[in-house]
Amino acid sequence: MKTCLRYGQPLDKDGNKVVGNERWTAPDNLLSDIFDKFKNVAEADMEIYRVEEKGVIRVKITDTTKKSLIYAIIEVASNVIKWIIDTPDLLFSWWGVLKRHSKKK
């Protein structure tokens, strides 16, 4: 079974919900556990297969979520702006503490 997960839901590349493979389907408890663990992941590739000789189930999940360059630039700019806004408040509060401390001596 090979599919794409979007926020824990199995979908094909066109966004259609995947129900399973006609030849073999993974156990429901395994699938529900995977879907629950990956409910916060935007997109991941999932491959589940059974090794015929041993009957072992193999699971391979790759997080394919990628932020665009624009999103990353906006995120950095936002953090810089927050720092610029917060820093003077911190400096003024420290300045007040230092002034009060120096008056006590």
N, C-alpha and C. Protein backbone atom coordinates (compact mmCIF):
# COMPACT_ATOMS: atom_id res chain seq x y z
N MET A 1 0.86 -1.18 0.00
CA MET A 1 0.00 0.00 0.00
C MET A 1 0.90 1.22 0.00
N LYS A 2 0.73 2.06 -0.99
CA LYS A 2 1.53 3.27 -1.12
C LYS A 2 0.55 4.43 -1.29
N THR A 3 0.70 5.46 -0.45
CA THR A 3 -0.22 6.59 -0.53
C THR A 3 0.41 7.83 0.08
N CYS A 4 -0.32 8.90 0.03
CA CYS A 4 0.10 10.17 0.61
C CYS A 4 -0.80 10.45 1.81
N LEU A 5 -0.21 10.95 2.89
CA LEU A 5 -0.99 11.35 4.07
C LEU A 5 -1.06 12.87 4.10
N ARG A 6 -2.24 13.39 4.29
CA ARG A 6 -2.40 14.83 4.50
C ARG A 6 -3.17 15.00 5.79
N TYR A 7 -2.48 15.55 6.79
CA TYR A 7 -3.04 15.71 8.13
C TYR A 7 -3.66 14.42 8.62
N GLY A 8 -2.93 13.31 8.43
CA GLY A 8 -3.36 12.02 8.95
C GLY A 8 -4.38 11.30 8.11
N GLN A 9 -4.78 11.85 6.99
CA GLN A 9 -5.76 11.19 6.13
C GLN A 9 -5.07 10.66 4.88
N PRO A 10 -5.32 9.40 4.53
CA PRO A 10 -4.69 8.84 3.33
C PRO A 10 -5.35 9.37 2.07
N LEU A 11 -4.55 10.00 1.22
CA LEU A 11 -5.04 10.58 -0.03
C LEU A 11 -4.09 10.23 -1.16
N ASP A 12 -4.62 10.18 -2.36
CA ASP A 12 -3.73 10.04 -3.50
C ASP A 12 -3.25 11.42 -3.92
N LYS A 13 -2.41 11.50 -4.91
CA LYS A 13 -1.81 12.78 -5.31
C LYS A 13 -2.84 13.79 -5.80
N ASP A 14 -4.01 13.31 -6.24
CA ASP A 14 -5.07 14.22 -6.70
C ASP A 14 -5.98 14.67 -5.57
N GLY A 15 -5.73 14.19 -4.35
CA GLY A 15 -6.54 14.59 -3.21
C GLY A 15 -7.72 13.68 -2.95
N ASN A 16 -7.81 12.56 -3.68
CA ASN A 16 -8.90 11.61 -3.46
C ASN A 16 -8.55 10.67 -2.32
N LYS A 17 -9.53 10.37 -1.48
CA LYS A 17 -9.29 9.51 -0.32
C LYS A 17 -8.98 8.09 -0.77
N VAL A 18 -7.94 7.50 -0.18
CA VAL A 18 -7.52 6.14 -0.50
C VAL A 18 -8.10 5.20 0.53
N VAL A 19 -8.75 4.16 0.08
CA VAL A 19 -9.35 3.19 0.99
C VAL A 19 -8.40 2.05 1.28
N GLY A 20 -7.70 1.54 0.31
CA GLY A 20 -6.76 0.46 0.53
C GLY A 20 -6.39 -0.22 -0.76
N ASN A 21 -5.60 -1.24 -0.66
CA ASN A 21 -5.16 -2.02 -1.80
C ASN A 21 -6.05 -3.25 -1.90
N GLU A 22 -6.41 -3.64 -3.11
CA GLU A 22 -7.29 -4.80 -3.28
C GLU A 22 -6.60 -6.10 -2.89
N ARG A 23 -5.28 -6.20 -3.11
CA ARG A 23 -4.56 -7.44 -2.83
C ARG A 23 -4.29 -7.64 -1.33
N TRP A 24 -3.94 -6.54 -0.64
CA TRP A 24 -3.61 -6.65 0.79
C TRP A 24 -3.91 -5.33 1.47
N THR A 25 -4.47 -5.41 2.65
CA THR A 25 -4.76 -4.21 3.43
C THR A 25 -4.10 -4.35 4.79
N ALA A 26 -3.47 -3.28 5.24
CA ALA A 26 -2.82 -3.28 6.56
C ALA A 26 -3.88 -3.40 7.65
N PRO A 27 -3.51 -3.93 8.81
CA PRO A 27 -4.46 -4.05 9.92
C PRO A 27 -5.04 -2.69 10.32
N ASP A 28 -6.31 -2.67 10.66
CA ASP A 28 -6.99 -1.42 11.01
C ASP A 28 -6.35 -0.71 12.19
N ASN A 29 -5.92 -1.48 13.20
CA ASN A 29 -5.32 -0.84 14.38
C ASN A 29 -3.99 -0.16 14.04
N LEU A 30 -3.23 -0.72 13.10
CA LEU A 30 -1.99 -0.10 12.65
C LEU A 30 -2.28 1.19 11.90
N LEU A 31 -3.25 1.13 11.00
CA LEU A 31 -3.62 2.32 10.23
C LEU A 31 -4.14 3.44 11.13
N SER A 32 -5.02 3.10 12.06
CA SER A 32 -5.57 4.15 12.93
C SER A 32 -4.47 4.77 13.80
N ASP A 33 -3.50 3.97 14.23
CA ASP A 33 -2.37 4.48 15.01
C ASP A 33 -1.53 5.44 14.17
N ILE A 34 -1.25 5.07 12.93
CA ILE A 34 -0.47 5.93 12.02
C ILE A 34 -1.22 7.22 11.74
N PHE A 35 -2.50 7.11 11.42
CA PHE A 35 -3.30 8.29 11.09
C PHE A 35 -3.36 9.25 12.27
N ASP A 36 -3.45 8.70 13.49
CA ASP A 36 -3.50 9.54 14.68
C ASP A 36 -2.16 10.23 14.92
N LYS A 37 -1.05 9.51 14.75
CA LYS A 37 0.27 10.09 14.99
C LYS A 37 0.64 11.16 13.98
N PHE A 38 0.08 11.09 12.77
CA PHE A 38 0.45 12.03 11.72
C PHE A 38 -0.66 13.04 11.42
N LYS A 39 -1.58 13.24 12.36
CA LYS A 39 -2.69 14.16 12.12
C LYS A 39 -2.25 15.63 12.06
N ASN A 40 -1.07 15.95 12.58
CA ASN A 40 -0.58 17.32 12.55
C ASN A 40 0.48 17.55 11.47
N VAL A 41 0.73 16.54 10.64
CA VAL A 41 1.72 16.66 9.57
C VAL A 41 0.98 17.01 8.28
N ALA A 42 1.41 18.11 7.67
CA ALA A 42 0.71 18.59 6.47
C ALA A 42 0.73 17.57 5.34
N GLU A 43 1.88 16.99 5.08
CA GLU A 43 1.96 16.01 4.00
C GLU A 43 3.10 15.04 4.23
N ALA A 44 2.84 13.76 4.00
CA ALA A 44 3.85 12.73 4.15
C ALA A 44 3.56 11.60 3.17
N ASP A 45 4.62 10.95 2.70
CA ASP A 45 4.46 9.76 1.86
C ASP A 45 4.47 8.55 2.78
N MET A 46 3.53 7.62 2.55
CA MET A 46 3.44 6.43 3.40
C MET A 46 3.48 5.19 2.51
N GLU A 47 4.28 4.23 2.96
CA GLU A 47 4.36 2.94 2.27
C GLU A 47 4.29 1.85 3.32
N ILE A 48 3.32 0.97 3.17
CA ILE A 48 3.16 -0.16 4.09
C ILE A 48 3.14 -1.42 3.24
N TYR A 49 3.96 -2.39 3.62
CA TYR A 49 3.94 -3.67 2.90
C TYR A 49 4.27 -4.81 3.85
N ARG A 50 3.91 -6.00 3.42
CA ARG A 50 4.16 -7.19 4.22
C ARG A 50 5.21 -8.04 3.51
N VAL A 51 6.22 -8.45 4.26
CA VAL A 51 7.25 -9.34 3.72
C VAL A 51 6.65 -10.74 3.71
N GLU A 52 6.46 -11.29 2.53
CA GLU A 52 5.76 -12.57 2.37
C GLU A 52 6.41 -13.71 3.15
N GLU A 53 7.74 -13.83 3.07
CA GLU A 53 8.42 -14.97 3.70
C GLU A 53 8.25 -14.99 5.22
N LYS A 54 8.29 -13.82 5.83
CA LYS A 54 8.27 -13.74 7.29
C LYS A 54 6.94 -13.27 7.85
N GLY A 55 6.12 -12.65 7.02
CA GLY A 55 4.85 -12.11 7.50
C GLY A 55 5.00 -10.81 8.28
N VAL A 56 6.19 -10.21 8.23
CA VAL A 56 6.47 -8.97 8.94
C VAL A 56 5.89 -7.80 8.15
N ILE A 57 5.32 -6.84 8.85
CA ILE A 57 4.77 -5.64 8.21
C ILE A 57 5.81 -4.53 8.33
N ARG A 58 6.13 -3.91 7.21
CA ARG A 58 7.08 -2.80 7.16
C ARG A 58 6.32 -1.52 6.88
N VAL A 59 6.69 -0.47 7.60
CA VAL A 59 6.06 0.84 7.41
C VAL A 59 7.16 1.86 7.18
N LYS A 60 7.00 2.66 6.12
CA LYS A 60 7.95 3.72 5.83
C LYS A 60 7.14 5.00 5.60
N ILE A 61 7.39 6.02 6.43
CA ILE A 61 6.69 7.29 6.30
C ILE A 61 7.73 8.39 6.21
N THR A 62 7.59 9.23 5.18
CA THR A 62 8.51 10.33 4.95
C THR A 62 7.74 11.64 4.95
N ASP A 63 8.11 12.53 5.86
CA ASP A 63 7.47 13.85 5.93
C ASP A 63 7.93 14.66 4.73
N THR A 64 6.99 15.05 3.90
CA THR A 64 7.34 15.82 2.69
C THR A 64 6.88 17.27 2.79
N THR A 65 6.52 17.70 3.99
CA THR A 65 6.08 19.07 4.18
C THR A 65 7.26 20.00 3.92
N LYS A 66 7.04 20.96 3.07
CA LYS A 66 8.10 21.93 2.77
C LYS A 66 7.49 23.32 2.79
N LYS A 67 8.15 24.20 3.50
CA LYS A 67 7.71 25.59 3.52
C LYS A 67 8.27 26.28 2.28
N SER A 68 7.47 27.13 1.72
CA SER A 68 7.96 27.88 0.56
C SER A 68 8.95 28.95 1.03
N LEU A 69 9.75 29.44 0.11
CA LEU A 69 10.74 30.46 0.42
C LEU A 69 10.06 31.73 0.92
N ILE A 70 8.95 32.10 0.31
CA ILE A 70 8.21 33.30 0.73
C ILE A 70 7.76 33.15 2.18
N TYR A 71 7.21 31.98 2.52
CA TYR A 71 6.75 31.74 3.89
C TYR A 71 7.91 31.86 4.87
N ALA A 72 9.05 31.30 4.53
CA ALA A 72 10.22 31.37 5.42
C ALA A 72 10.69 32.81 5.61
N ILE A 73 10.70 33.60 4.53
CA ILE A 73 11.11 35.00 4.62
C ILE A 73 10.14 35.79 5.50
N ILE A 74 8.85 35.56 5.33
CA ILE A 74 7.84 36.24 6.15
C ILE A 74 8.00 35.86 7.61
N GLU A 75 8.27 34.60 7.88
CA GLU A 75 8.45 34.14 9.26
C GLU A 75 9.66 34.82 9.91
N VAL A 76 10.78 34.91 9.20
CA VAL A 76 11.98 35.57 9.73
C VAL A 76 11.72 37.05 9.96
N ALA A 77 11.08 37.71 8.98
CA ALA A 77 10.78 39.14 9.12
C ALA A 77 9.86 39.39 10.32
N SER A 78 8.89 38.53 10.49
CA SER A 78 7.97 38.67 11.63
C SER A 78 8.71 38.55 12.96
N ASN A 79 9.62 37.60 13.05
CA ASN A 79 10.40 37.42 14.29
C ASN A 79 11.31 38.62 14.55
N VAL A 80 11.89 39.18 13.51
CA VAL A 80 12.75 40.37 13.67
C VAL A 80 11.91 41.55 14.16
N ILE A 81 10.73 41.73 13.58
CA ILE A 81 9.85 42.83 14.01
C ILE A 81 9.44 42.65 15.46
N LYS A 82 9.09 41.44 15.85
CA LYS A 82 8.74 41.18 17.26
C LYS A 82 9.91 41.51 18.17
N TRP A 83 11.13 41.14 17.77
CA TRP A 83 12.30 41.42 18.58
C TRP A 83 12.51 42.92 18.71
N ILE A 84 12.36 43.67 17.60
CA ILE A 84 12.54 45.13 17.63
C ILE A 84 11.51 45.78 18.56
N ILE A 85 10.29 45.28 18.53
CA ILE A 85 9.23 45.85 19.36
C ILE A 85 9.44 45.50 20.84
N ASP A 86 9.85 44.26 21.11
CA ASP A 86 10.01 43.80 22.49
C ASP A 86 11.28 44.31 23.16
N THR A 87 12.34 44.51 22.42
CA THR A 87 13.63 44.88 23.00
C THR A 87 13.60 46.22 23.74
N PRO A 88 13.03 47.30 23.21
CA PRO A 88 13.01 48.55 23.98
C PRO A 88 12.26 48.41 25.31
N ASP A 89 11.16 47.67 25.32
CA ASP A 89 10.43 47.45 26.57
C ASP A 89 11.32 46.76 27.60
N LEU A 90 12.08 45.76 27.14
CA LEU A 90 12.97 45.06 28.05
C LEU A 90 14.08 45.98 28.54
N LEU A 91 14.64 46.77 27.62
CA LEU A 91 15.71 47.69 28.00
C LEU A 91 15.22 48.72 29.01
N PHE A 92 14.02 49.29 28.77
CA PHE A 92 13.48 50.28 29.70
C PHE A 92 13.18 49.66 31.06
N SER A 93 12.68 48.43 31.08
CA SER A 93 12.40 47.79 32.36
C SER A 93 13.70 47.51 33.11
N TRP A 94 14.75 47.08 32.41
CA TRP A 94 16.04 46.88 33.06
C TRP A 94 16.63 48.21 33.52
N TRP A 95 16.44 49.24 32.74
CA TRP A 95 16.94 50.56 33.12
C TRP A 95 16.30 51.01 34.42
N GLY A 96 15.00 50.78 34.56
CA GLY A 96 14.29 51.13 35.79
C GLY A 96 14.79 50.34 36.98
N VAL A 97 15.05 49.08 36.79
CA VAL A 97 15.58 48.23 37.87
C VAL A 97 16.96 48.72 38.27
N LEU A 98 17.81 49.05 37.31
CA LEU A 98 19.15 49.53 37.61
C LEU A 98 19.12 50.87 38.35
N LYS A 99 18.22 51.76 37.94
CA LYS A 99 18.12 53.06 38.60
C LYS A 99 17.68 52.89 40.05
N ARG A 100 16.67 52.02 40.28
CA ARG A 100 16.20 51.79 41.65
C ARG A 100 17.30 51.15 42.48
N HIS A 101 18.05 50.26 41.91
CA HIS A 101 19.12 49.55 42.62
C HIS A 101 20.24 50.54 42.99
N SER A 102 20.57 51.47 42.11
CA SER A 102 21.66 52.42 42.36
C SER A 102 21.23 53.45 43.41
N LYS A 103 19.94 53.80 43.51
CA LYS A 103 19.46 54.74 44.52
C LYS A 103 19.55 54.18 45.92
N LYS A 104 19.41 52.84 46.05
CA LYS A 104 19.44 52.19 47.36
C LYS A 104 20.84 52.23 47.97
N LYS A 105 21.86 52.30 47.15
CA LYS A 105 23.24 52.28 47.67
C LYS A 105 23.62 53.57 48.19
